[in-house]
């Protein structure tokens, strides 16, 4: 079984509660000074990541950047 992988996801604009509902428990959420929302948290497996990205797409949210954060 794979260990969860930490990701940083940056989305355009200030995300609403409706957009963030699926990630609220698993990610820290921060509004940036340059008008984006930064999400940092654990992704369990590839299907979890695909589900998050599909949710953002269905909500018409633009993902600006997706970064895998290496384990220290």
PDB file of N, CA and C in Angstrom:
ATOM      1  N   UNK A   1       0.844  -1.191   0.000  1.00  0.00           N
ATOM      2  CA  UNK A   1       0.000   0.000   0.000  1.00  0.00           C
ATOM      3  C   UNK A   1       0.885   1.248   0.000  1.00  0.00           C
ATOM      4  N   UNK A   2       0.543   2.208  -0.812  1.00  0.00           N
ATOM      5  CA  UNK A   2       1.311   3.443  -0.919  1.00  0.00           C
ATOM      6  C   UNK A   2       0.974   4.400   0.208  1.00  0.00           C
ATOM      7  N   UNK A   3       1.991   5.156   0.621  1.00  0.00           N
ATOM      8  CA  UNK A   3       1.756   6.210   1.606  1.00  0.00           C
ATOM      9  C   UNK A   3       1.161   7.416   0.901  1.00  0.00           C
ATOM     10  N   UNK A   4       0.370   8.210   1.619  1.00  0.00           N
ATOM     11  CA  UNK A   4      -0.159   9.446   1.015  1.00  0.00           C
ATOM     12  C   UNK A   4       0.985  10.362   0.588  1.00  0.00           C
ATOM     13  N   UNK A   5       0.727  11.148  -0.423  1.00  0.00           N
ATOM     14  CA  UNK A   5       1.697  12.105  -0.942  1.00  0.00           C
ATOM     15  C   UNK A   5       1.188  13.510  -0.661  1.00  0.00           C
ATOM     16  N   UNK A   6       2.081  14.374  -0.232  1.00  0.00           N
ATOM     17  CA  UNK A   6       1.712  15.756   0.073  1.00  0.00           C
ATOM     18  C   UNK A   6       1.754  16.580  -1.215  1.00  0.00           C
ATOM     19  N   UNK A   7       0.692  17.367  -1.421  1.00  0.00           N
ATOM     20  CA  UNK A   7       0.584  18.214  -2.603  1.00  0.00           C
ATOM     21  C   UNK A   7       0.233  19.636  -2.212  1.00  0.00           C
ATOM     22  N   UNK A   8       0.645  20.548  -3.076  1.00  0.00           N
ATOM     23  CA  UNK A   8       0.241  21.947  -2.999  1.00  0.00           C
ATOM     24  C   UNK A   8      -0.519  22.233  -4.295  1.00  0.00           C
ATOM     25  N   UNK A   9      -1.750  22.693  -4.156  1.00  0.00           N
ATOM     26  CA  UNK A   9      -2.593  22.987  -5.310  1.00  0.00           C
ATOM     27  C   UNK A   9      -2.957  24.461  -5.249  1.00  0.00           C
ATOM     28  N   UNK A  10      -2.634  25.188  -6.308  1.00  0.00           N
ATOM     29  CA  UNK A  10      -2.982  26.611  -6.367  1.00  0.00           C
ATOM     30  C   UNK A  10      -4.096  26.792  -7.386  1.00  0.00           C
ATOM     31  N   UNK A  11      -5.180  27.438  -6.955  1.00  0.00           N
ATOM     32  CA  UNK A  11      -6.311  27.674  -7.849  1.00  0.00           C
ATOM     33  C   UNK A  11      -6.554  29.173  -7.990  1.00  0.00           C
ATOM     34  N   UNK A  12      -7.082  29.555  -9.153  1.00  0.00           N
ATOM     35  CA  UNK A  12      -7.320  30.973  -9.436  1.00  0.00           C
ATOM     36  C   UNK A  12      -8.503  31.477  -8.610  1.00  0.00           C
ATOM     37  N   UNK A  13      -8.334  32.664  -8.024  1.00  0.00           N
ATOM     38  CA  UNK A  13      -9.412  33.323  -7.296  1.00  0.00           C
ATOM     39  C   UNK A  13      -9.536  32.875  -5.851  1.00  0.00           C
ATOM     40  N   UNK A  14     -10.501  33.452  -5.194  1.00  0.00           N
ATOM     41  CA  UNK A  14     -10.815  33.109  -3.803  1.00  0.00           C
ATOM     42  C   UNK A  14     -11.876  32.021  -3.833  1.00  0.00           C
ATOM     43  N   UNK A  15     -11.528  30.855  -3.385  1.00  0.00           N
ATOM     44  CA  UNK A  15     -12.438  29.715  -3.456  1.00  0.00           C
ATOM     45  C   UNK A  15     -13.557  29.844  -2.431  1.00  0.00           C
ATOM     46  N   UNK A  16     -14.752  29.452  -2.840  1.00  0.00           N
ATOM     47  CA  UNK A  16     -15.914  29.470  -1.956  1.00  0.00           C
ATOM     48  C   UNK A  16     -15.994  28.167  -1.168  1.00  0.00           C
ATOM     49  N   UNK A  17     -16.835  28.163  -0.147  1.00  0.00           N
ATOM     50  CA  UNK A  17     -17.030  26.958   0.663  1.00  0.00           C
ATOM     51  C   UNK A  17     -17.525  25.798  -0.199  1.00  0.00           C
ATOM     52  N   UNK A  18     -18.371  26.086  -1.151  1.00  0.00           N
ATOM     53  CA  UNK A  18     -18.917  25.044  -2.026  1.00  0.00           C
ATOM     54  C   UNK A  18     -17.806  24.365  -2.829  1.00  0.00           C
ATOM     55  N   UNK A  19     -16.869  25.147  -3.314  1.00  0.00           N
ATOM     56  CA  UNK A  19     -15.743  24.600  -4.071  1.00  0.00           C
ATOM     57  C   UNK A  19     -14.827  23.791  -3.160  1.00  0.00           C
ATOM     58  N   UNK A  20     -14.640  24.259  -1.930  1.00  0.00           N
ATOM     59  CA  UNK A  20     -13.676  23.643  -1.022  1.00  0.00           C
ATOM     60  C   UNK A  20     -14.229  22.487  -0.198  1.00  0.00           C
ATOM     61  N   UNK A  21     -15.516  22.274  -0.220  1.00  0.00           N
ATOM     62  CA  UNK A  21     -16.133  21.247   0.628  1.00  0.00           C
ATOM     63  C   UNK A  21     -15.394  19.903   0.585  1.00  0.00           C
ATOM     64  N   UNK A  22     -15.025  19.366  -0.589  1.00  0.00           N
ATOM     65  CA  UNK A  22     -14.358  18.058  -0.607  1.00  0.00           C
ATOM     66  C   UNK A  22     -12.949  18.053  -0.016  1.00  0.00           C
ATOM     67  N   UNK A  23     -12.332  19.206   0.165  1.00  0.00           N
ATOM     68  CA  UNK A  23     -10.945  19.241   0.637  1.00  0.00           C
ATOM     69  C   UNK A  23     -10.786  19.844   2.026  1.00  0.00           C
ATOM     70  N   UNK A  24     -11.843  20.339   2.611  1.00  0.00           N
ATOM     71  CA  UNK A  24     -11.745  21.079   3.875  1.00  0.00           C
ATOM     72  C   UNK A  24     -11.065  20.290   4.990  1.00  0.00           C
ATOM     73  N   UNK A  25     -11.346  18.996   5.094  1.00  0.00           N
ATOM     74  CA  UNK A  25     -10.791  18.214   6.198  1.00  0.00           C
ATOM     75  C   UNK A  25      -9.351  17.777   5.966  1.00  0.00           C
ATOM     76  N   UNK A  26      -8.956  17.653   4.710  1.00  0.00           N
ATOM     77  CA  UNK A  26      -7.645  17.087   4.391  1.00  0.00           C
ATOM     78  C   UNK A  26      -6.576  18.113   4.039  1.00  0.00           C
ATOM     79  N   UNK A  27      -6.961  19.371   3.817  1.00  0.00           N
ATOM     80  CA  UNK A  27      -6.023  20.374   3.322  1.00  0.00           C
ATOM     81  C   UNK A  27      -6.074  21.641   4.160  1.00  0.00           C
ATOM     82  N   UNK A  28      -4.907  22.296   4.276  1.00  0.00           N
ATOM     83  CA  UNK A  28      -4.913  23.657   4.804  1.00  0.00           C
ATOM     84  C   UNK A  28      -5.246  24.569   3.629  1.00  0.00           C
ATOM     85  N   UNK A  29      -5.946  25.652   3.907  1.00  0.00           N
ATOM     86  CA  UNK A  29      -6.435  26.543   2.855  1.00  0.00           C
ATOM     87  C   UNK A  29      -5.988  27.957   3.181  1.00  0.00           C
ATOM     88  N   UNK A  30      -5.358  28.610   2.207  1.00  0.00           N
ATOM     89  CA  UNK A  30      -4.845  29.965   2.426  1.00  0.00           C
ATOM     90  C   UNK A  30      -5.118  30.831   1.197  1.00  0.00           C
ATOM     91  N   UNK A  31      -5.695  31.998   1.417  1.00  0.00           N
ATOM     92  CA  UNK A  31      -5.854  32.987   0.342  1.00  0.00           C
ATOM     93  C   UNK A  31      -4.529  33.726   0.216  1.00  0.00           C
ATOM     94  N   UNK A  32      -4.019  33.840  -1.001  1.00  0.00           N
ATOM     95  CA  UNK A  32      -2.735  34.505  -1.214  1.00  0.00           C
ATOM     96  C   UNK A  32      -2.941  35.986  -1.519  1.00  0.00           C
ATOM     97  N   UNK A  33      -1.850  36.735  -1.477  1.00  0.00           N
ATOM     98  CA  UNK A  33      -1.896  38.167  -1.776  1.00  0.00           C
ATOM     99  C   UNK A  33      -2.107  38.453  -3.258  1.00  0.00           C
ATOM    100  N   UNK A  34      -1.866  37.471  -4.106  1.00  0.00           N
ATOM    101  CA  UNK A  34      -2.000  37.703  -5.544  1.00  0.00           C
ATOM    102  C   UNK A  34      -3.283  37.093  -6.123  1.00  0.00           C
ATOM    103  N   UNK A  35      -4.303  36.936  -5.291  1.00  0.00           N
ATOM    104  CA  UNK A  35      -5.632  36.584  -5.781  1.00  0.00           C
ATOM    105  C   UNK A  35      -5.875  35.122  -6.085  1.00  0.00           C
ATOM    106  N   UNK A  36      -5.113  34.244  -5.457  1.00  0.00           N
ATOM    107  CA  UNK A  36      -5.333  32.816  -5.644  1.00  0.00           C
ATOM    108  C   UNK A  36      -5.599  32.164  -4.294  1.00  0.00           C
ATOM    109  N   UNK A  37      -5.967  30.901  -4.337  1.00  0.00           N
ATOM    110  CA  UNK A  37      -6.148  30.115  -3.122  1.00  0.00           C
ATOM    111  C   UNK A  37      -5.160  28.965  -3.172  1.00  0.00           C
ATOM    112  N   UNK A  38      -4.448  28.762  -2.067  1.00  0.00           N
ATOM    113  CA  UNK A  38      -3.438  27.719  -1.976  1.00  0.00           C
ATOM    114  C   UNK A  38      -3.942  26.628  -1.042  1.00  0.00           C
ATOM    115  N   UNK A  39      -3.940  25.398  -1.525  1.00  0.00           N
ATOM    116  CA  UNK A  39      -4.364  24.231  -0.753  1.00  0.00           C
ATOM    117  C   UNK A  39      -3.153  23.332  -0.555  1.00  0.00           C
ATOM    118  N   UNK A  40      -2.897  22.919   0.678  1.00  0.00           N
ATOM    119  CA  UNK A  40      -1.773  22.028   0.959  1.00  0.00           C
ATOM    120  C   UNK A  40      -2.291  20.881   1.804  1.00  0.00           C
ATOM    121  N   UNK A  41      -2.015  19.647   1.338  1.00  0.00           N
ATOM    122  CA  UNK A  41      -2.476  18.506   2.112  1.00  0.00           C
ATOM    123  C   UNK A  41      -2.081  17.179   1.509  1.00  0.00           C
ATOM    124  N   UNK A  42      -2.561  16.115   2.157  1.00  0.00           N
ATOM    125  CA  UNK A  42      -2.238  14.751   1.772  1.00  0.00           C
ATOM    126  C   UNK A  42      -3.235  14.218   0.749  1.00  0.00           C
ATOM    127  N   UNK A  43      -2.694  13.582  -0.281  1.00  0.00           N
ATOM    128  CA  UNK A  43      -3.503  12.897  -1.285  1.00  0.00           C
ATOM    129  C   UNK A  43      -3.230  11.406  -1.109  1.00  0.00           C
ATOM    130  N   UNK A  44      -4.290  10.634  -0.902  1.00  0.00           N
ATOM    131  CA  UNK A  44      -4.148   9.212  -0.571  1.00  0.00           C
ATOM    132  C   UNK A  44      -3.562   8.372  -1.700  1.00  0.00           C
ATOM    133  N   UNK A  45      -4.031   8.623  -2.920  1.00  0.00           N
ATOM    134  CA  UNK A  45      -3.603   7.808  -4.061  1.00  0.00           C
ATOM    135  C   UNK A  45      -3.992   8.536  -5.348  1.00  0.00           C
ATOM    136  N   UNK A  46      -3.603   8.006  -6.509  1.00  0.00           N
ATOM    137  CA  UNK A  46      -3.919   8.688  -7.770  1.00  0.00           C
ATOM    138  C   UNK A  46      -5.414   8.914  -7.993  1.00  0.00           C
ATOM    139  N   UNK A  47      -6.257   7.993  -7.564  1.00  0.00           N
ATOM    140  CA  UNK A  47      -7.697   8.195  -7.774  1.00  0.00           C
ATOM    141  C   UNK A  47      -8.225   9.348  -6.923  1.00  0.00           C
ATOM    142  N   UNK A  48      -7.654   9.554  -5.745  1.00  0.00           N
ATOM    143  CA  UNK A  48      -8.029  10.688  -4.898  1.00  0.00           C
ATOM    144  C   UNK A  48      -7.658  11.995  -5.597  1.00  0.00           C
ATOM    145  N   UNK A  49      -6.442  12.054  -6.152  1.00  0.00           N
ATOM    146  CA  UNK A  49      -6.001  13.245  -6.876  1.00  0.00           C
ATOM    147  C   UNK A  49      -6.895  13.495  -8.089  1.00  0.00           C
ATOM    148  N   UNK A  50      -7.191  12.451  -8.844  1.00  0.00           N
ATOM    149  CA  UNK A  50      -8.075  12.599 -10.008  1.00  0.00           C
ATOM    150  C   UNK A  50      -9.451  13.095  -9.600  1.00  0.00           C
ATOM    151  N   UNK A  51      -9.959  12.609  -8.474  1.00  0.00           N
ATOM    152  CA  UNK A  51     -11.258  13.064  -7.980  1.00  0.00           C
ATOM    153  C   UNK A  51     -11.254  14.538  -7.618  1.00  0.00           C
ATOM    154  N   UNK A  52     -10.179  14.991  -6.969  1.00  0.00           N
ATOM    155  CA  UNK A  52     -10.066  16.415  -6.625  1.00  0.00           C
ATOM    156  C   UNK A  52     -10.038  17.276  -7.884  1.00  0.00           C
ATOM    157  N   UNK A  53      -9.227  16.874  -8.857  1.00  0.00           N
ATOM    158  CA  UNK A  53      -9.123  17.649 -10.096  1.00  0.00           C
ATOM    159  C   UNK A  53     -10.437  17.626 -10.869  1.00  0.00           C
ATOM    160  N   UNK A  54     -11.126  16.496 -10.868  1.00  0.00           N
ATOM    161  CA  UNK A  54     -12.432  16.414 -11.536  1.00  0.00           C
ATOM    162  C   UNK A  54     -13.440  17.332 -10.853  1.00  0.00           C
ATOM    163  N   UNK A  55     -13.386  17.402  -9.521  1.00  0.00           N
ATOM    164  CA  UNK A  55     -14.286  18.298  -8.785  1.00  0.00           C
ATOM    165  C   UNK A  55     -14.023  19.749  -9.175  1.00  0.00           C
ATOM    166  N   UNK A  56     -12.758  20.153  -9.194  1.00  0.00           N
ATOM    167  CA  UNK A  56     -12.434  21.528  -9.572  1.00  0.00           C
ATOM    168  C   UNK A  56     -12.909  21.823 -10.993  1.00  0.00           C
ATOM    169  N   UNK A  57     -12.713  20.877 -11.899  1.00  0.00           N
ATOM    170  CA  UNK A  57     -13.173  21.052 -13.282  1.00  0.00           C
ATOM    171  C   UNK A  57     -14.685  21.210 -13.330  1.00  0.00           C
ATOM    172  N   UNK A  58     -15.406  20.384 -12.583  1.00  0.00           N
ATOM    173  CA  UNK A  58     -16.875  20.454 -12.591  1.00  0.00           C
ATOM    174  C   UNK A  58     -17.389  21.768 -12.006  1.00  0.00           C
ATOM    175  N   UNK A  59     -16.592  22.392 -11.138  1.00  0.00           N
ATOM    176  CA  UNK A  59     -16.971  23.667 -10.530  1.00  0.00           C
ATOM    177  C   UNK A  59     -16.418  24.850 -11.332  1.00  0.00           C
ATOM    178  N   UNK A  60     -15.807  24.558 -12.477  1.00  0.00           N
ATOM    179  CA  UNK A  60     -15.240  25.581 -13.356  1.00  0.00           C
ATOM    180  C   UNK A  60     -14.131  26.380 -12.660  1.00  0.00           C
ATOM    181  N   UNK A  61     -13.309  25.681 -11.878  1.00  0.00           N
ATOM    182  CA  UNK A  61     -12.200  26.291 -11.148  1.00  0.00           C
ATOM    183  C   UNK A  61     -10.908  25.982 -11.899  1.00  0.00           C
ATOM    184  N   UNK A  62     -10.108  27.018 -12.132  1.00  0.00           N
ATOM    185  CA  UNK A  62      -8.843  26.833 -12.840  1.00  0.00           C
ATOM    186  C   UNK A  62      -7.728  26.480 -11.862  1.00  0.00           C
ATOM    187  N   UNK A  63      -7.133  25.321 -12.064  1.00  0.00           N
ATOM    188  CA  UNK A  63      -5.959  24.930 -11.290  1.00  0.00           C
ATOM    189  C   UNK A  63      -4.750  25.546 -11.985  1.00  0.00           C
ATOM    190  N   UNK A  64      -4.061  26.428 -11.268  1.00  0.00           N
ATOM    191  CA  UNK A  64      -2.902  27.126 -11.828  1.00  0.00           C
ATOM    192  C   UNK A  64      -1.651  26.265 -11.720  1.00  0.00           C
ATOM    193  N   UNK A  65      -1.505  25.624 -10.568  1.00  0.00           N
ATOM    194  CA  UNK A  65      -0.301  24.825 -10.357  1.00  0.00           C
ATOM    195  C   UNK A  65      -0.602  23.682  -9.404  1.00  0.00           C
ATOM    196  N   UNK A  66       0.031  22.562  -9.679  1.00  0.00           N
ATOM    197  CA  UNK A  66      -0.066  21.367  -8.846  1.00  0.00           C
ATOM    198  C   UNK A  66       1.363  20.914  -8.590  1.00  0.00           C
ATOM    199  N   UNK A  67       1.769  20.926  -7.317  1.00  0.00           N
ATOM    200  CA  UNK A  67       3.144  20.559  -6.976  1.00  0.00           C
ATOM    201  C   UNK A  67       3.146  19.434  -5.956  1.00  0.00           C
ATOM    202  N   UNK A  68       3.941  18.422  -6.240  1.00  0.00           N
ATOM    203  CA  UNK A  68       4.167  17.356  -5.269  1.00  0.00           C
ATOM    204  C   UNK A  68       5.246  17.844  -4.316  1.00  0.00           C
ATOM    205  N   UNK A  69       5.007  17.711  -3.026  1.00  0.00           N
ATOM    206  CA  UNK A  69       5.969  18.159  -2.022  1.00  0.00           C
ATOM    207  C   UNK A  69       6.729  16.929  -1.532  1.00  0.00           C
ATOM    208  N   UNK A  70       8.036  16.866  -1.778  1.00  0.00           N
ATOM    209  CA  UNK A  70       8.815  15.691  -1.365  1.00  0.00           C
ATOM    210  C   UNK A  70       8.844  15.537   0.150  1.00  0.00           C
ATOM    211  N   UNK A  71       8.908  14.303   0.572  1.00  0.00           N
ATOM    212  CA  UNK A  71       9.043  14.016   2.010  1.00  0.00           C
ATOM    213  C   UNK A  71      10.451  14.387   2.455  1.00  0.00           C
ATOM    214  N   UNK A  72      10.536  14.955   3.653  1.00  0.00           N
ATOM    215  CA  UNK A  72      11.854  15.369   4.171  1.00  0.00           C
ATOM    216  C   UNK A  72      12.618  14.190   4.717  1.00  0.00           C
TER     217      UNK A  72
END
